[in-house]
Amino acid sequence: MSHQPTGEVAVSKSARAQVPAEQVEGVIRQLREVLSARVIVDRSGAIQEIHVLVSSNRSPKQVVRDIESALLASHGIVVDHRKISVAQLQGTLLRSVRNRLRVVDVELAVNGTKAEATVHLQRGSETFTGQAAGQGSQPNQLRLIATATVRAVEQACRMTDQIAVEEINPNVVVAGRQLVVAVVNMLSQYGEDVLTGSALVRNDVNRAVVNAVLDALNRRTAALQDE
């Protein structure tokens, strides 16, 4: 008789492989008051840890129950409640999270040797657009996307030429997953900051570039919006 470890998906291994961690995270993020979610699995796809960030409007116990119910109903996944960690945000820190910019769309137009990138970001009901044009080689296309993201961030934060892209590396591999790493330089009233961010390449490397830049900048720019 086979033994099923606590917290594993209550389905076969082949079925479990069809529910990647990103998809489980997507289900959790749709729950009420959930701000972010991260799921850690082992090599067989079994859930080992679930980390969730929520607002202060719901109790951690209720959030855990919501997660258990949602995963069971959506994918037949049974998770041990002890594997679910819930952290709450309050006050200024919560406002900072809500002030963070999110990617809406990424456009890249290549015409011969030239390319132009356009990035649309959103915060609440507001949309901000940044553009960058230049030489159209593949590496420079990603830099243009990063620069367009920076321009949109500056627009949202009412800055001008205060953020520069130092490096975009789309070839970082961690645990068999491809990541984009961004290094940006930001000038503010506090001085000069070199900031780094990263993002998983899911289906679109261009969108991952935007998310990596936002990962580098969001905490700092959200704090500026609170001042």
Protein backbone atom coordinates (compact mmCIF):
# COMPACT_ATOMS: atom_id res chain seq x y z
CA MET A 1 0.00 0.00 0.00
CA SER A 2 1.46 3.39 -1.00
CA HIS A 3 1.88 6.11 1.57
CA GLN A 4 0.73 9.67 0.77
CA PRO A 5 2.71 12.30 2.75
CA THR A 6 0.74 14.94 4.63
CA GLY A 7 0.06 18.04 2.56
CA GLU A 8 0.47 16.46 -0.85
CA VAL A 9 -2.08 16.79 -3.58
CA ALA A 10 -4.78 14.18 -3.20
CA VAL A 11 -4.42 13.02 -6.81
CA SER A 12 -1.95 10.97 -8.84
CA LYS A 13 1.56 12.20 -9.58
CA SER A 14 0.74 12.83 -13.22
CA ALA A 15 -2.28 14.94 -12.31
CA ARG A 16 -0.29 16.77 -9.65
CA ALA A 17 2.29 17.77 -12.26
CA GLN A 18 -0.45 19.53 -14.19
CA VAL A 19 -0.95 22.02 -11.34
CA PRO A 20 2.28 24.06 -11.16
CA ALA A 21 3.07 26.30 -8.21
CA GLU A 22 2.27 29.41 -10.28
CA GLN A 23 -1.26 28.19 -10.90
CA VAL A 24 -1.81 27.42 -7.21
CA GLU A 25 -0.53 30.92 -6.38
CA GLY A 26 -3.02 32.35 -8.85
CA VAL A 27 -5.93 30.67 -7.06
CA ILE A 28 -4.76 31.97 -3.69
CA ARG A 29 -4.27 35.53 -4.96
CA GLN A 30 -7.93 35.67 -5.98
CA LEU A 31 -9.05 35.21 -2.38
CA ARG A 32 -10.43 38.10 -0.39
CA GLU A 33 -7.80 40.42 1.18
CA VAL A 34 -4.85 38.40 -0.19
CA LEU A 35 -2.08 40.74 -1.36
CA SER A 36 0.51 38.19 -2.48
CA ALA A 37 1.21 34.46 -2.34
CA ARG A 38 4.18 32.17 -2.80
CA VAL A 39 4.04 28.39 -3.05
CA ILE A 40 7.09 26.16 -2.54
CA VAL A 41 7.00 22.61 -3.87
CA ASP A 42 9.44 19.69 -3.88
CA ARG A 43 10.75 17.94 -7.00
CA SER A 44 7.67 15.73 -7.24
CA GLY A 45 5.34 18.74 -7.20
CA ALA A 46 4.11 18.26 -3.63
CA ILE A 47 3.39 21.46 -1.74
CA GLN A 48 5.86 22.04 1.10
CA GLU A 49 5.09 25.63 2.09
CA ILE A 50 2.55 28.33 1.31
CA HIS A 51 3.37 31.92 2.29
CA VAL A 52 0.59 34.50 2.07
CA LEU A 53 0.51 38.25 2.70
CA VAL A 54 -2.91 39.67 3.63
CA SER A 55 -4.45 42.89 4.89
CA SER A 56 -5.53 43.28 8.50
CA ASN A 57 -9.23 42.88 7.64
CA ARG A 58 -9.33 39.09 8.01
CA SER A 59 -7.96 36.81 10.68
CA PRO A 60 -5.09 34.46 9.72
CA LYS A 61 -7.18 31.42 10.73
CA GLN A 62 -9.95 32.44 8.34
CA VAL A 63 -7.44 33.00 5.54
CA VAL A 64 -6.00 29.51 6.10
CA ARG A 65 -9.50 28.00 5.90
CA ASP A 66 -10.19 29.96 2.71
CA ILE A 67 -6.98 28.65 1.14
CA GLU A 68 -7.75 25.05 2.08
CA SER A 69 -11.28 25.33 0.65
CA ALA A 70 -10.19 27.10 -2.55
CA LEU A 71 -7.45 24.62 -3.40
CA LEU A 72 -9.67 21.64 -2.68
CA ALA A 73 -12.52 23.04 -4.80
CA SER A 74 -10.36 24.22 -7.71
CA HIS A 75 -7.80 21.43 -8.06
CA GLY A 76 -8.64 18.73 -5.52
CA ILE A 77 -5.54 19.68 -3.51
CA VAL A 78 -5.50 18.81 0.19
CA VAL A 79 -2.97 20.89 2.15
CA ASP A 80 -1.98 20.51 5.80
CA HIS A 81 -2.85 23.81 7.49
CA ARG A 82 0.55 23.75 9.22
CA LYS A 83 2.19 24.37 5.85
CA ILE A 84 0.35 27.68 5.40
CA SER A 85 2.04 30.79 6.78
CA VAL A 86 0.02 34.03 6.92
CA ALA A 87 1.49 37.50 7.46
CA GLN A 88 -0.61 40.66 7.84
CA LEU A 89 0.08 44.25 6.82
CA GLN A 90 -1.24 47.26 8.64
CA GLY A 91 -1.15 51.03 8.42
CA THR A 92 1.49 52.72 6.28
CA LEU A 93 2.99 49.47 5.03
CA LEU A 94 -0.38 48.35 3.67
CA ARG A 95 -0.83 51.68 1.91
CA SER A 96 2.60 51.19 0.34
CA VAL A 97 1.57 47.82 -1.08
CA ARG A 98 -1.57 49.35 -2.56
CA ASN A 99 0.54 52.14 -4.06
CA ARG A 100 2.66 49.68 -5.99
CA LEU A 101 2.62 49.80 -9.77
CA ARG A 102 1.51 46.80 -11.82
CA VAL A 103 2.11 45.96 -15.48
CA VAL A 104 -0.89 46.28 -17.79
CA ASP A 105 0.68 45.80 -21.23
CA VAL A 106 4.05 45.63 -22.98
CA GLU A 107 4.44 46.54 -26.66
CA LEU A 108 7.55 46.14 -28.80
CA ALA A 109 7.70 47.36 -32.39
CA VAL A 110 10.75 46.39 -34.49
CA ASN A 111 11.32 48.12 -37.82
CA GLY A 112 14.54 47.12 -39.55
CA THR A 113 17.43 48.05 -37.29
CA LYS A 114 15.27 50.16 -34.96
CA ALA A 115 12.93 49.20 -32.14
CA GLU A 116 10.47 51.04 -29.90
CA ALA A 117 9.11 49.77 -26.59
CA THR A 118 5.94 50.99 -24.89
CA VAL A 119 5.00 49.95 -21.36
CA HIS A 120 1.70 50.63 -19.62
CA LEU A 121 1.58 50.48 -15.81
CA GLN A 122 -1.35 50.86 -13.45
CA ARG A 123 -1.84 52.02 -9.89
CA GLY A 124 -5.43 51.98 -8.72
CA SER A 125 -7.50 53.51 -11.52
CA GLU A 126 -4.58 55.45 -13.03
CA THR A 127 -2.52 54.27 -16.01
CA PHE A 128 1.00 55.47 -16.82
CA THR A 129 2.85 55.00 -20.12
CA GLY A 130 6.57 55.00 -20.84
CA GLN A 131 8.36 54.72 -24.17
CA ALA A 132 11.92 54.16 -25.35
CA ALA A 133 13.38 53.82 -28.84
CA GLY A 134 16.78 52.79 -30.16
CA GLN A 135 18.87 50.12 -31.84
CA GLY A 136 16.87 46.94 -32.46
CA SER A 137 19.18 44.06 -31.49
CA GLN A 138 17.68 41.42 -29.19
CA PRO A 139 19.69 42.43 -26.10
CA ASN A 140 18.89 46.10 -26.66
CA GLN A 141 15.19 45.34 -27.13
CA LEU A 142 15.09 44.12 -23.52
CA ARG A 143 16.96 47.23 -22.36
CA LEU A 144 14.45 49.41 -24.23
CA ILE A 145 11.58 47.62 -22.47
CA ALA A 146 13.31 48.21 -19.13
CA THR A 147 13.88 51.88 -19.97
CA ALA A 148 10.24 52.32 -21.03
CA THR A 149 9.24 50.79 -17.69
CA VAL A 150 11.46 53.30 -15.88
CA ARG A 151 9.89 56.18 -17.82
CA ALA A 152 6.40 55.00 -16.80
CA VAL A 153 7.51 54.73 -13.17
CA GLU A 154 8.93 58.27 -13.31
CA GLN A 155 5.65 59.51 -14.75
CA ALA A 156 3.74 57.87 -11.90
CA CYS A 157 6.10 59.34 -9.29
CA ARG A 158 6.41 62.75 -10.97
CA MET A 159 10.12 62.32 -11.53
CA THR A 160 12.30 63.31 -14.50
CA ASP A 161 15.50 61.48 -15.45
CA GLN A 162 16.06 60.19 -11.91
CA ILE A 163 16.15 56.46 -12.71
CA ALA A 164 18.53 54.69 -15.08
CA VAL A 165 18.81 51.07 -16.19
CA GLU A 166 22.26 49.65 -15.44
CA GLU A 167 21.79 46.04 -16.50
CA ILE A 168 19.17 43.53 -17.63
CA ASN A 169 20.14 39.86 -17.47
CA PRO A 170 17.52 37.46 -18.88
CA ASN A 171 19.68 34.34 -18.53
CA VAL A 172 19.73 33.65 -14.81
CA VAL A 173 18.69 30.08 -13.92
CA VAL A 174 17.71 29.16 -10.35
CA ALA A 175 16.31 25.73 -9.45
CA GLY A 176 15.85 25.03 -13.16
CA ARG A 177 13.75 28.18 -13.69
CA GLN A 178 14.68 31.13 -15.89
CA LEU A 179 14.74 34.55 -14.23
CA VAL A 180 15.30 38.09 -15.43
CA VAL A 181 17.47 40.18 -13.09
CA ALA A 182 17.35 43.98 -13.28
CA VAL A 183 19.81 46.48 -11.83
CA VAL A 184 18.68 50.12 -11.76
CA ASN A 185 20.12 53.34 -10.36
CA MET A 186 17.79 55.79 -8.65
CA LEU A 187 18.50 59.37 -7.55
CA SER A 188 16.26 60.92 -4.89
CA GLN A 189 16.40 63.34 -1.99
CA TYR A 190 18.02 60.51 -0.04
CA GLY A 191 20.93 60.21 -2.47
CA GLU A 192 21.84 57.52 -4.97
CA ASP A 193 20.51 53.98 -4.65
CA VAL A 194 21.48 50.92 -6.69
CA LEU A 195 18.44 48.65 -6.65
CA THR A 196 17.99 45.10 -7.89
CA GLY A 197 14.92 43.06 -8.74
CA SER A 198 14.06 39.76 -10.38
CA ALA A 199 11.09 38.03 -12.00
CA LEU A 200 10.36 34.54 -13.25
CA VAL A 201 10.02 34.12 -16.99
CA ARG A 202 6.67 32.41 -17.28
CA ASN A 203 5.50 32.73 -20.90
CA ASP A 204 6.80 36.17 -21.90
CA VAL A 205 10.36 37.40 -21.33
CA ASN A 206 9.33 40.98 -22.19
CA ARG A 207 6.78 41.06 -19.38
CA ALA A 208 9.32 39.46 -17.05
CA VAL A 209 11.70 42.37 -17.79
CA VAL A 210 9.00 44.83 -16.70
CA ASN A 211 8.26 42.83 -13.56
CA ALA A 212 11.96 42.64 -12.67
CA VAL A 213 12.31 46.43 -12.94
CA LEU A 214 9.16 46.91 -10.86
CA ASP A 215 10.48 44.44 -8.31
CA ALA A 216 13.57 46.64 -7.99
CA LEU A 217 11.65 49.92 -7.75
CA ASN A 218 8.22 49.26 -6.25
CA ARG A 219 9.15 49.29 -2.57
CA ARG A 220 11.09 52.55 -2.93
CA THR A 221 8.56 54.32 -5.14
CA ALA A 222 5.62 53.17 -3.00
CA ALA A 223 7.34 54.65 0.05
CA LEU A 224 7.80 57.93 -1.82
CA GLN A 225 4.07 58.01 -2.57
CA ASP A 226 3.35 57.71 1.17
CA GLU A 227 5.45 60.76 2.03
